[in-house]
């Protein structure tokens, strides 16, 4: 199966806070990279077709409007969703079935003010 998403960037005001947030809710290790004029947190890429980063820099502005990226919520997104508020985020739409019965979704605001979604089959 081919993905239409190749790369996604999540803007951050505080890279450490954002890396801790995503690392905690997704139970993953995010690598911090400090390059001139920008700090990045790299999502693990092993066995993934999409490359994801968290970016702190002058041109990065978190937003709850615009395009919504849905992160893989694993087997059951409720496990990830239960960690959102404990780690400084806010749930804006609880777990609900998709209209086409292809799984479930939820929406949240991350520690930086970005709106993202979760998706899972169960």
Protein backbone atom coordinates (compact mmCIF):
# COMPACT_ATOMS: atom_id res chain seq x y z
CA UNK A 1 0.00 0.00 0.00
CA UNK A 2 1.32 3.43 -0.95
CA UNK A 3 0.95 6.46 1.33
CA UNK A 4 0.10 9.92 -0.01
CA UNK A 5 2.02 11.48 2.88
CA UNK A 6 5.83 11.44 2.60
CA UNK A 7 6.90 13.87 5.31
CA UNK A 8 5.06 15.73 8.05
CA UNK A 9 6.31 18.52 10.28
CA UNK A 10 4.81 19.49 13.62
CA UNK A 11 5.76 23.04 14.67
CA UNK A 12 6.88 23.61 18.26
CA UNK A 13 7.56 26.59 20.51
CA UNK A 14 9.46 24.42 23.03
CA UNK A 15 11.14 21.43 21.35
CA UNK A 16 11.90 19.65 24.62
CA UNK A 17 8.29 19.89 25.79
CA UNK A 18 6.98 18.74 22.39
CA UNK A 19 9.43 15.81 22.15
CA UNK A 20 8.48 14.73 25.67
CA UNK A 21 4.76 15.02 24.82
CA UNK A 22 4.92 12.88 21.66
CA UNK A 23 7.43 10.45 23.11
CA UNK A 24 5.15 9.90 26.11
CA UNK A 25 1.79 9.58 24.34
CA UNK A 26 3.13 7.36 21.54
CA UNK A 27 5.59 5.47 23.78
CA UNK A 28 8.49 6.08 21.38
CA UNK A 29 12.00 7.55 21.45
CA UNK A 30 12.30 10.78 19.47
CA UNK A 31 15.83 11.81 18.50
CA UNK A 32 16.73 15.47 19.13
CA UNK A 33 18.85 17.19 16.46
CA UNK A 34 20.20 20.72 16.85
CA UNK A 35 21.14 22.40 13.56
CA UNK A 36 21.78 26.11 12.86
CA UNK A 37 18.61 28.19 13.33
CA UNK A 38 16.47 25.10 13.99
CA UNK A 39 15.92 22.27 16.46
CA UNK A 40 14.27 19.06 15.34
CA UNK A 41 12.81 15.95 16.93
CA UNK A 42 12.89 12.97 14.56
CA UNK A 43 10.20 10.31 14.82
CA UNK A 44 11.54 6.74 14.45
CA UNK A 45 11.64 5.73 10.77
CA UNK A 46 12.25 2.00 10.99
CA UNK A 47 9.42 0.11 9.26
CA UNK A 48 7.61 3.37 8.36
CA UNK A 49 6.94 4.87 4.93
CA UNK A 50 6.39 8.39 6.28
CA UNK A 51 9.07 10.60 7.82
CA UNK A 52 7.90 12.80 10.71
CA UNK A 53 9.63 15.64 12.55
CA UNK A 54 8.88 18.15 15.28
CA UNK A 55 10.49 21.51 14.47
CA UNK A 56 11.31 24.55 16.61
CA UNK A 57 12.51 27.57 14.63
CA UNK A 58 11.74 31.15 13.70
CA UNK A 59 9.40 30.13 10.87
CA UNK A 60 7.47 27.54 12.93
CA UNK A 61 4.09 28.54 14.38
CA UNK A 62 1.84 25.97 16.05
CA UNK A 63 -1.81 26.13 14.97
CA UNK A 64 -5.12 24.47 15.76
CA UNK A 65 -6.45 25.46 12.30
CA UNK A 66 -5.59 24.09 8.88
CA UNK A 67 -4.61 20.61 7.73
CA UNK A 68 -5.01 17.81 10.26
CA UNK A 69 -2.49 14.98 10.33
CA UNK A 70 -3.75 11.71 11.82
CA UNK A 71 -1.11 9.72 13.66
CA UNK A 72 -1.25 5.94 13.84
CA UNK A 73 -2.93 5.11 17.13
CA UNK A 74 -1.75 1.49 17.07
CA UNK A 75 -4.20 -1.31 17.62
CA UNK A 76 -6.52 0.87 19.76
CA UNK A 77 -6.09 4.66 19.76
CA UNK A 78 -7.72 4.94 23.18
CA UNK A 79 -4.42 3.83 24.77
CA UNK A 80 -2.64 6.81 23.18
CA UNK A 81 -5.56 9.18 23.80
CA UNK A 82 -5.52 8.33 27.51
CA UNK A 83 -1.98 9.77 27.69
CA UNK A 84 -2.75 13.11 25.98
CA UNK A 85 -4.04 15.17 28.92
CA UNK A 86 -1.57 13.57 31.36
CA UNK A 87 1.20 15.01 29.19
CA UNK A 88 -0.09 18.56 28.70
CA UNK A 89 -2.45 18.14 25.75
CA UNK A 90 -6.21 18.47 25.42
CA UNK A 91 -8.73 16.08 23.86
CA UNK A 92 -11.10 17.91 21.51
CA UNK A 93 -12.92 14.90 20.02
CA UNK A 94 -13.13 11.60 21.87
CA UNK A 95 -12.71 8.25 20.14
CA UNK A 96 -15.49 7.74 17.59
CA UNK A 97 -16.11 5.42 14.64
CA UNK A 98 -15.39 6.66 11.12
CA UNK A 99 -18.48 6.96 8.94
CA UNK A 100 -17.14 4.41 6.44
CA UNK A 101 -16.54 1.86 9.24
CA UNK A 102 -12.80 1.73 8.45
CA UNK A 103 -11.81 2.27 12.07
CA UNK A 104 -11.85 4.97 14.70
CA UNK A 105 -10.54 8.52 15.10
CA UNK A 106 -10.00 11.14 17.79
CA UNK A 107 -8.67 14.72 17.80
CA UNK A 108 -6.40 16.44 20.29
CA UNK A 109 -4.42 19.63 20.86
CA UNK A 110 -0.76 18.90 21.61
CA UNK A 111 1.50 20.59 24.15
CA UNK A 112 2.31 23.31 21.59
CA UNK A 113 -1.23 24.19 20.47
CA UNK A 114 -1.37 22.07 17.28
CA UNK A 115 -4.50 20.08 16.42
CA UNK A 116 -3.77 16.51 15.38
CA UNK A 117 -5.74 13.33 15.06
CA UNK A 118 -5.33 9.68 15.88
CA UNK A 119 -6.56 6.75 13.81
CA UNK A 120 -6.80 3.03 14.58
CA UNK A 121 -8.67 0.00 13.25
CA UNK A 122 -10.09 -0.78 16.70
